[in-house]
Amino acid sequence: MRPLFQKSFVAAAAILVAADQYTKWLSHKLIPPGGQVNVLSFFGFVNVINRGAAFGSLQNLGNIPFMILAGIAIIIVLAIAYRDRENRVGLVLILSGAAGNLIDRAMLAHVRDFIDLHAGSHHWPAFNLADSYLTIGVILILAKEVFKEKNHS
């Protein structure tokens, strides 16, 4: 392994995963199951258990397929990150998100969600930091690829 890859990439991922796990633990310790704490008119915290995929979909599949998928994603991201220096930020975010939710699934057989965005009574499905890492990481990589294509045209 390259020293830079080993130190900076792995350290960043470890910090992000630790932040994800701590915020999940804290929110679920402080908010009762099904509880809700509104912070702003559009933002609050909840205590939600997600046994499925994004937005609680595919809950009937069980935990194992999601664990396998996360494991495969982690292996692929590590392999890509070792060679791809341009997308390191996006890749470390994707790695951290996959690892954070995989830890939940391995230890609890579900993912803990706690961030609640809403407009009046309309709520976006609850999510967590790992979900945010995944989303932002994918957006960064896609945006870089789109802008790279435009600059080469």
N, C-alpha and C. Protein backbone atom coordinates (compact mmCIF):
# COMPACT_ATOMS: atom_id res chain seq x y z
N MET A 1 0.83 -1.18 0.00
CA MET A 1 0.00 0.00 0.00
C MET A 1 0.88 1.24 0.00
N ARG A 2 0.45 2.23 -0.72
CA ARG A 2 1.17 3.50 -0.71
C ARG A 2 0.98 4.15 0.66
N PRO A 3 2.04 4.72 1.25
CA PRO A 3 1.92 5.34 2.57
C PRO A 3 0.84 6.42 2.63
N LEU A 4 0.75 7.28 1.60
CA LEU A 4 -0.26 8.32 1.60
C LEU A 4 -1.66 7.72 1.61
N PHE A 5 -1.85 6.70 0.78
CA PHE A 5 -3.15 6.03 0.72
C PHE A 5 -3.49 5.44 2.08
N GLN A 6 -2.57 4.76 2.64
CA GLN A 6 -2.80 4.06 3.90
C GLN A 6 -3.15 5.04 5.01
N LYS A 7 -2.38 6.09 5.17
CA LYS A 7 -2.57 7.01 6.29
C LYS A 7 -3.77 7.94 6.13
N SER A 8 -3.79 8.69 5.05
CA SER A 8 -4.83 9.71 4.94
C SER A 8 -6.19 9.13 4.60
N PHE A 9 -6.25 8.21 3.68
CA PHE A 9 -7.52 7.64 3.25
C PHE A 9 -8.17 6.83 4.36
N VAL A 10 -7.41 5.95 4.96
CA VAL A 10 -7.95 5.09 6.01
C VAL A 10 -8.28 5.91 7.26
N ALA A 11 -7.44 6.89 7.58
CA ALA A 11 -7.72 7.73 8.76
C ALA A 11 -9.00 8.54 8.56
N ALA A 12 -9.17 9.10 7.37
CA ALA A 12 -10.39 9.86 7.10
C ALA A 12 -11.62 8.96 7.19
N ALA A 13 -11.54 7.78 6.61
CA ALA A 13 -12.66 6.84 6.68
C ALA A 13 -12.96 6.46 8.13
N ALA A 14 -11.94 6.22 8.92
CA ALA A 14 -12.15 5.83 10.32
C ALA A 14 -12.83 6.95 11.10
N ILE A 15 -12.43 8.17 10.86
CA ILE A 15 -13.05 9.31 11.56
C ILE A 15 -14.51 9.46 11.15
N LEU A 16 -14.78 9.34 9.85
CA LEU A 16 -16.16 9.47 9.38
C LEU A 16 -17.05 8.34 9.91
N VAL A 17 -16.53 7.11 9.92
CA VAL A 17 -17.31 5.99 10.45
C VAL A 17 -17.57 6.18 11.94
N ALA A 18 -16.55 6.64 12.67
CA ALA A 18 -16.73 6.89 14.11
C ALA A 18 -17.80 7.96 14.36
N ALA A 19 -17.79 9.02 13.54
CA ALA A 19 -18.81 10.07 13.68
C ALA A 19 -20.20 9.51 13.40
N ASP A 20 -20.31 8.69 12.37
CA ASP A 20 -21.58 8.05 12.03
C ASP A 20 -22.08 7.19 13.18
N GLN A 21 -21.22 6.33 13.68
CA GLN A 21 -21.63 5.42 14.75
C GLN A 21 -21.98 6.18 16.04
N TYR A 22 -21.21 7.20 16.36
CA TYR A 22 -21.49 7.97 17.57
C TYR A 22 -22.82 8.71 17.46
N THR A 23 -23.09 9.34 16.33
CA THR A 23 -24.35 10.08 16.19
C THR A 23 -25.55 9.15 16.19
N LYS A 24 -25.40 7.98 15.61
CA LYS A 24 -26.48 6.99 15.66
C LYS A 24 -26.73 6.55 17.10
N TRP A 25 -25.67 6.22 17.79
CA TRP A 25 -25.79 5.78 19.19
C TRP A 25 -26.43 6.87 20.04
N LEU A 26 -25.92 8.09 19.92
CA LEU A 26 -26.41 9.20 20.74
C LEU A 26 -27.88 9.49 20.47
N SER A 27 -28.25 9.57 19.21
CA SER A 27 -29.64 9.89 18.90
C SER A 27 -30.59 8.81 19.40
N HIS A 28 -30.20 7.56 19.28
CA HIS A 28 -31.08 6.48 19.72
C HIS A 28 -31.05 6.30 21.23
N LYS A 29 -30.04 6.83 21.88
CA LYS A 29 -30.01 6.82 23.35
C LYS A 29 -30.91 7.93 23.91
N LEU A 30 -30.91 9.07 23.23
CA LEU A 30 -31.64 10.24 23.74
C LEU A 30 -33.10 10.33 23.30
N ILE A 31 -33.44 9.70 22.19
CA ILE A 31 -34.80 9.79 21.66
C ILE A 31 -35.46 8.42 21.76
N PRO A 32 -36.63 8.33 22.37
CA PRO A 32 -37.29 7.03 22.48
C PRO A 32 -37.73 6.51 21.11
N PRO A 33 -37.89 5.19 20.97
CA PRO A 33 -38.34 4.63 19.69
C PRO A 33 -39.61 5.32 19.19
N GLY A 34 -39.58 5.74 17.95
CA GLY A 34 -40.72 6.44 17.36
C GLY A 34 -40.81 7.90 17.77
N GLY A 35 -39.89 8.34 18.63
CA GLY A 35 -39.92 9.72 19.11
C GLY A 35 -39.41 10.70 18.08
N GLN A 36 -39.70 11.98 18.32
CA GLN A 36 -39.30 13.03 17.39
C GLN A 36 -38.96 14.28 18.18
N VAL A 37 -37.85 14.94 17.80
CA VAL A 37 -37.45 16.21 18.40
C VAL A 37 -37.26 17.21 17.27
N ASN A 38 -38.11 18.23 17.22
CA ASN A 38 -37.99 19.25 16.17
C ASN A 38 -36.99 20.30 16.62
N VAL A 39 -36.05 20.61 15.76
CA VAL A 39 -35.03 21.60 16.04
C VAL A 39 -35.36 22.90 15.31
N LEU A 40 -35.71 22.78 14.05
CA LEU A 40 -36.14 23.91 13.23
C LEU A 40 -37.46 23.53 12.56
N SER A 41 -38.07 24.47 11.88
CA SER A 41 -39.37 24.18 11.27
C SER A 41 -39.27 23.11 10.18
N PHE A 42 -38.08 22.82 9.70
CA PHE A 42 -37.89 21.83 8.62
C PHE A 42 -36.93 20.71 8.99
N PHE A 43 -36.40 20.72 10.21
CA PHE A 43 -35.34 19.80 10.59
C PHE A 43 -35.53 19.31 12.02
N GLY A 44 -35.29 18.02 12.22
CA GLY A 44 -35.36 17.48 13.56
C GLY A 44 -34.66 16.13 13.63
N PHE A 45 -34.82 15.48 14.75
CA PHE A 45 -34.23 14.17 14.97
C PHE A 45 -35.34 13.18 15.35
N VAL A 46 -35.17 11.95 14.90
CA VAL A 46 -36.12 10.88 15.18
C VAL A 46 -35.35 9.63 15.57
N ASN A 47 -36.07 8.63 16.01
CA ASN A 47 -35.47 7.32 16.32
C ASN A 47 -36.19 6.30 15.44
N VAL A 48 -35.54 5.96 14.31
CA VAL A 48 -36.15 5.06 13.33
C VAL A 48 -35.23 3.88 13.08
N ILE A 49 -35.81 2.70 13.03
CA ILE A 49 -35.09 1.47 12.68
C ILE A 49 -35.40 1.17 11.22
N ASN A 50 -34.36 0.95 10.42
CA ASN A 50 -34.54 0.65 9.00
C ASN A 50 -33.97 -0.74 8.72
N ARG A 51 -34.83 -1.68 8.42
CA ARG A 51 -34.40 -3.05 8.10
C ARG A 51 -34.24 -3.27 6.60
N GLY A 52 -34.52 -2.22 5.81
CA GLY A 52 -34.46 -2.35 4.36
C GLY A 52 -33.34 -1.52 3.75
N ALA A 53 -33.59 -1.09 2.52
CA ALA A 53 -32.61 -0.29 1.78
C ALA A 53 -32.99 1.18 1.93
N ALA A 54 -32.59 1.98 0.96
CA ALA A 54 -32.88 3.41 0.99
C ALA A 54 -34.38 3.64 1.15
N PHE A 55 -34.71 4.59 2.01
CA PHE A 55 -36.09 4.98 2.28
C PHE A 55 -36.92 3.84 2.85
N GLY A 56 -36.27 2.84 3.44
CA GLY A 56 -36.99 1.73 4.04
C GLY A 56 -37.53 0.72 3.04
N SER A 57 -37.12 0.83 1.79
CA SER A 57 -37.63 -0.10 0.77
C SER A 57 -36.97 -1.48 0.90
N LEU A 58 -37.57 -2.46 0.33
CA LEU A 58 -37.04 -3.84 0.25
C LEU A 58 -36.80 -4.48 1.62
N GLN A 59 -37.63 -4.17 2.59
CA GLN A 59 -37.46 -4.72 3.93
C GLN A 59 -37.68 -6.22 3.99
N ASN A 60 -38.40 -6.77 3.02
CA ASN A 60 -38.67 -8.21 3.02
C ASN A 60 -37.47 -9.06 2.63
N LEU A 61 -36.41 -8.43 2.11
CA LEU A 61 -35.23 -9.18 1.69
C LEU A 61 -34.42 -9.74 2.86
N GLY A 62 -34.54 -9.14 4.01
CA GLY A 62 -33.72 -9.55 5.14
C GLY A 62 -32.40 -8.80 5.14
N ASN A 63 -31.58 -9.08 6.11
CA ASN A 63 -30.35 -8.34 6.35
C ASN A 63 -29.17 -8.81 5.50
N ILE A 64 -29.08 -10.09 5.24
CA ILE A 64 -27.91 -10.68 4.58
C ILE A 64 -27.61 -10.07 3.21
N PRO A 65 -28.59 -9.92 2.31
CA PRO A 65 -28.27 -9.33 1.00
C PRO A 65 -27.65 -7.92 1.11
N PHE A 66 -28.14 -7.13 2.06
CA PHE A 66 -27.60 -5.78 2.23
C PHE A 66 -26.18 -5.82 2.78
N MET A 67 -25.90 -6.78 3.65
CA MET A 67 -24.55 -6.93 4.18
C MET A 67 -23.58 -7.36 3.07
N ILE A 68 -24.01 -8.28 2.24
CA ILE A 68 -23.16 -8.75 1.13
C ILE A 68 -22.90 -7.59 0.16
N LEU A 69 -23.94 -6.85 -0.17
CA LEU A 69 -23.79 -5.72 -1.08
C LEU A 69 -22.83 -4.67 -0.51
N ALA A 70 -22.97 -4.36 0.77
CA ALA A 70 -22.06 -3.39 1.40
C ALA A 70 -20.63 -3.91 1.39
N GLY A 71 -20.43 -5.18 1.67
CA GLY A 71 -19.09 -5.76 1.64
C GLY A 71 -18.46 -5.69 0.27
N ILE A 72 -19.24 -6.00 -0.75
CA ILE A 72 -18.74 -5.91 -2.13
C ILE A 72 -18.41 -4.46 -2.47
N ALA A 73 -19.27 -3.54 -2.09
CA ALA A 73 -19.03 -2.11 -2.35
C ALA A 73 -17.73 -1.65 -1.70
N ILE A 74 -17.49 -2.09 -0.47
CA ILE A 74 -16.27 -1.70 0.23
C ILE A 74 -15.03 -2.22 -0.50
N ILE A 75 -15.07 -3.45 -0.93
CA ILE A 75 -13.93 -4.04 -1.65
C ILE A 75 -13.68 -3.29 -2.96
N ILE A 76 -14.74 -3.00 -3.70
CA ILE A 76 -14.60 -2.28 -4.97
C ILE A 76 -14.05 -0.88 -4.74
N VAL A 77 -14.59 -0.17 -3.76
CA VAL A 77 -14.12 1.19 -3.48
C VAL A 77 -12.65 1.19 -3.08
N LEU A 78 -12.24 0.25 -2.24
CA LEU A 78 -10.83 0.17 -1.85
C LEU A 78 -9.94 -0.09 -3.06
N ALA A 79 -10.36 -0.97 -3.94
CA ALA A 79 -9.57 -1.27 -5.14
C ALA A 79 -9.47 -0.04 -6.05
N ILE A 80 -10.56 0.67 -6.23
CA ILE A 80 -10.56 1.86 -7.07
C ILE A 80 -9.72 2.97 -6.42
N ALA A 81 -9.90 3.16 -5.13
CA ALA A 81 -9.22 4.24 -4.41
C ALA A 81 -7.70 4.07 -4.42
N TYR A 82 -7.25 2.85 -4.45
CA TYR A 82 -5.82 2.60 -4.46
C TYR A 82 -5.17 3.19 -5.71
N ARG A 83 -5.91 3.23 -6.82
CA ARG A 83 -5.37 3.71 -8.09
C ARG A 83 -5.87 5.10 -8.49
N ASP A 84 -7.03 5.48 -8.01
CA ASP A 84 -7.69 6.71 -8.45
C ASP A 84 -7.46 7.84 -7.45
N ARG A 85 -6.53 8.72 -7.75
CA ARG A 85 -6.25 9.84 -6.86
C ARG A 85 -7.22 11.00 -7.06
N GLU A 86 -7.85 11.09 -8.21
CA GLU A 86 -8.74 12.21 -8.52
C GLU A 86 -10.04 12.18 -7.73
N ASN A 87 -10.51 11.01 -7.40
CA ASN A 87 -11.82 10.88 -6.74
C ASN A 87 -11.71 10.42 -5.28
N ARG A 88 -10.59 10.68 -4.66
CA ARG A 88 -10.37 10.19 -3.29
C ARG A 88 -11.42 10.68 -2.30
N VAL A 89 -11.83 11.93 -2.39
CA VAL A 89 -12.81 12.45 -1.43
C VAL A 89 -14.14 11.72 -1.60
N GLY A 90 -14.61 11.61 -2.82
CA GLY A 90 -15.86 10.90 -3.07
C GLY A 90 -15.76 9.44 -2.65
N LEU A 91 -14.63 8.82 -2.95
CA LEU A 91 -14.46 7.40 -2.60
C LEU A 91 -14.38 7.18 -1.10
N VAL A 92 -13.71 8.07 -0.37
CA VAL A 92 -13.65 7.89 1.09
C VAL A 92 -15.03 8.08 1.70
N LEU A 93 -15.84 8.97 1.12
CA LEU A 93 -17.21 9.15 1.61
C LEU A 93 -18.05 7.90 1.35
N ILE A 94 -17.93 7.33 0.15
CA ILE A 94 -18.69 6.12 -0.17
C ILE A 94 -18.24 4.97 0.73
N LEU A 95 -16.94 4.81 0.90
CA LEU A 95 -16.41 3.76 1.77
C LEU A 95 -16.95 3.92 3.20
N SER A 96 -16.90 5.13 3.71
CA SER A 96 -17.34 5.39 5.08
C SER A 96 -18.83 5.14 5.25
N GLY A 97 -19.62 5.54 4.27
CA GLY A 97 -21.06 5.30 4.33
C GLY A 97 -21.39 3.82 4.30
N ALA A 98 -20.76 3.09 3.40
CA ALA A 98 -21.01 1.65 3.32
C ALA A 98 -20.56 0.95 4.61
N ALA A 99 -19.41 1.34 5.14
CA ALA A 99 -18.90 0.72 6.37
C ALA A 99 -19.78 1.06 7.57
N GLY A 100 -20.22 2.31 7.67
CA GLY A 100 -21.06 2.72 8.80
C GLY A 100 -22.36 1.94 8.86
N ASN A 101 -23.01 1.78 7.71
CA ASN A 101 -24.27 1.03 7.70
C ASN A 101 -24.03 -0.47 7.80
N LEU A 102 -22.90 -0.96 7.30
CA LEU A 102 -22.57 -2.38 7.45
C LEU A 102 -22.35 -2.73 8.93
N ILE A 103 -21.72 -1.85 9.66
CA ILE A 103 -21.52 -2.08 11.10
C ILE A 103 -22.86 -2.23 11.80
N ASP A 104 -23.79 -1.34 11.50
CA ASP A 104 -25.14 -1.44 12.08
C ASP A 104 -25.78 -2.78 11.74
N ARG A 105 -25.73 -3.15 10.49
CA ARG A 105 -26.37 -4.40 10.06
C ARG A 105 -25.72 -5.61 10.72
N ALA A 106 -24.40 -5.60 10.83
CA ALA A 106 -23.70 -6.73 11.43
C ALA A 106 -23.97 -6.83 12.93
N MET A 107 -24.06 -5.69 13.61
CA MET A 107 -24.23 -5.71 15.06
C MET A 107 -25.69 -5.72 15.51
N LEU A 108 -26.57 -5.10 14.71
CA LEU A 108 -27.95 -4.90 15.15
C LEU A 108 -29.01 -5.52 14.24
N ALA A 109 -28.60 -5.97 13.05
CA ALA A 109 -29.51 -6.51 12.04
C ALA A 109 -30.46 -5.46 11.47
N HIS A 110 -30.09 -4.19 11.61
CA HIS A 110 -30.83 -3.08 11.03
C HIS A 110 -29.93 -1.85 11.03
N VAL A 111 -30.40 -0.79 10.37
CA VAL A 111 -29.68 0.48 10.35
C VAL A 111 -30.46 1.49 11.18
N ARG A 112 -29.73 2.27 11.94
CA ARG A 112 -30.37 3.31 12.77
C ARG A 112 -30.38 4.63 12.00
N ASP A 113 -31.57 5.18 11.82
CA ASP A 113 -31.73 6.48 11.16
C ASP A 113 -32.22 7.49 12.18
N PHE A 114 -31.82 8.76 11.99
CA PHE A 114 -32.21 9.76 12.98
C PHE A 114 -32.40 11.18 12.44
N ILE A 115 -31.99 11.45 11.23
CA ILE A 115 -32.13 12.81 10.69
C ILE A 115 -33.47 12.91 9.98
N ASP A 116 -34.23 13.94 10.33
CA ASP A 116 -35.59 14.12 9.82
C ASP A 116 -35.72 15.49 9.17
N LEU A 117 -35.87 15.51 7.85
CA LEU A 117 -36.15 16.74 7.12
C LEU A 117 -37.62 16.72 6.72
N HIS A 118 -38.28 17.85 6.93
CA HIS A 118 -39.71 17.88 6.63
C HIS A 118 -40.19 19.28 6.27
N ALA A 119 -41.30 19.31 5.57
CA ALA A 119 -42.01 20.56 5.26
C ALA A 119 -43.44 20.34 5.73
N GLY A 120 -43.76 20.96 6.84
CA GLY A 120 -45.08 20.74 7.44
C GLY A 120 -45.20 19.29 7.86
N SER A 121 -46.23 18.61 7.40
CA SER A 121 -46.43 17.21 7.77
C SER A 121 -45.79 16.24 6.76
N HIS A 122 -45.15 16.77 5.73
CA HIS A 122 -44.50 15.95 4.71
C HIS A 122 -43.04 15.71 5.10
N HIS A 123 -42.70 14.46 5.38
CA HIS A 123 -41.36 14.11 5.84
C HIS A 123 -40.58 13.35 4.77
N TRP A 124 -39.33 13.76 4.57
CA TRP A 124 -38.39 12.98 3.77
C TRP A 124 -38.08 11.75 4.62
N PRO A 125 -37.87 10.58 4.04
CA PRO A 125 -37.54 9.42 4.88
C PRO A 125 -36.30 9.70 5.74
N ALA A 126 -36.35 9.26 6.99
CA ALA A 126 -35.24 9.48 7.92
C ALA A 126 -33.96 8.85 7.37
N PHE A 127 -32.83 9.46 7.70
CA PHE A 127 -31.54 8.95 7.24
C PHE A 127 -30.49 9.21 8.31
N ASN A 128 -29.26 8.87 8.03
CA ASN A 128 -28.16 9.02 8.98
C ASN A 128 -26.93 9.59 8.28
N LEU A 129 -25.84 9.78 9.02
CA LEU A 129 -24.63 10.32 8.40
C LEU A 129 -24.08 9.41 7.31
N ALA A 130 -24.10 8.09 7.53
CA ALA A 130 -23.59 7.16 6.52
C ALA A 130 -24.34 7.33 5.20
N ASP A 131 -25.65 7.49 5.28
CA ASP A 131 -26.45 7.72 4.06
C ASP A 131 -26.01 9.02 3.38
N SER A 132 -25.75 10.05 4.19
CA SER A 132 -25.30 11.32 3.64
C SER A 132 -23.93 11.18 2.98
N TYR A 133 -23.03 10.45 3.62
CA TYR A 133 -21.70 10.22 3.04
C TYR A 133 -21.84 9.56 1.67
N LEU A 134 -22.66 8.51 1.59
CA LEU A 134 -22.85 7.79 0.33
C LEU A 134 -23.38 8.72 -0.76
N THR A 135 -24.39 9.48 -0.43
CA THR A 135 -25.02 10.38 -1.40
C THR A 135 -24.04 11.44 -1.88
N ILE A 136 -23.36 12.09 -0.95
CA ILE A 136 -22.42 13.15 -1.31
C ILE A 136 -21.25 12.58 -2.11
N GLY A 137 -20.75 11.41 -1.71
CA GLY A 137 -19.65 10.78 -2.43
C GLY A 137 -19.99 10.49 -3.87
N VAL A 138 -21.17 9.92 -4.10
CA VAL A 138 -21.61 9.61 -5.46
C VAL A 138 -21.78 10.91 -6.27
N ILE A 139 -22.37 11.92 -5.67
CA ILE A 139 -22.57 13.20 -6.36
C ILE A 139 -21.22 13.82 -6.75
N LEU A 140 -20.25 13.79 -5.83
CA LEU A 140 -18.93 14.36 -6.14
C LEU A 140 -18.27 13.66 -7.32
N ILE A 141 -18.33 12.34 -7.32
CA ILE A 141 -17.70 11.58 -8.41
C ILE A 141 -18.43 11.82 -9.73
N LEU A 142 -19.75 11.79 -9.70
CA LEU A 142 -20.51 12.05 -10.93
C LEU A 142 -20.28 13.46 -11.45
N ALA A 143 -20.26 14.43 -10.56
CA ALA A 143 -20.04 15.82 -10.97
C ALA A 143 -18.66 15.98 -11.59
N LYS A 144 -17.66 15.36 -10.99
CA LYS A 144 -16.30 15.44 -11.54
C LYS A 144 -16.26 14.83 -12.94
N GLU A 145 -16.93 13.71 -13.13
CA GLU A 145 -16.95 13.06 -14.44
C GLU A 145 -17.70 13.91 -15.47
N VAL A 146 -18.82 14.51 -15.07
CA VAL A 146 -19.59 15.35 -15.99
C VAL A 146 -18.77 16.56 -16.41
N PHE A 147 -18.13 17.22 -15.44
CA PHE A 147 -17.33 18.40 -15.77
C PHE A 147 -16.09 18.04 -16.56
N LYS A 148 -15.53 16.86 -16.32
CA LYS A 148 -14.37 16.40 -17.09
C LYS A 148 -14.77 16.21 -18.55
N GLU A 149 -15.95 15.62 -18.77
CA GLU A 149 -16.44 15.40 -20.13
C GLU A 149 -16.69 16.74 -20.84
N LYS A 150 -17.26 17.71 -20.13
CA LYS A 150 -17.55 19.02 -20.74
C LYS A 150 -16.25 19.74 -21.10
N ASN A 151 -15.23 19.60 -20.27
CA ASN A 151 -13.96 20.29 -20.52
C ASN A 151 -13.19 19.64 -21.67
N HIS A 152 -13.46 18.38 -21.96
CA HIS A 152 -12.78 17.69 -23.05
C HIS A 152 -13.55 17.78 -24.36
N SER A 153 -14.74 18.34 -24.32
CA SER A 153 -15.57 18.44 -25.55
C SER A 153 -15.19 19.63 -26.36
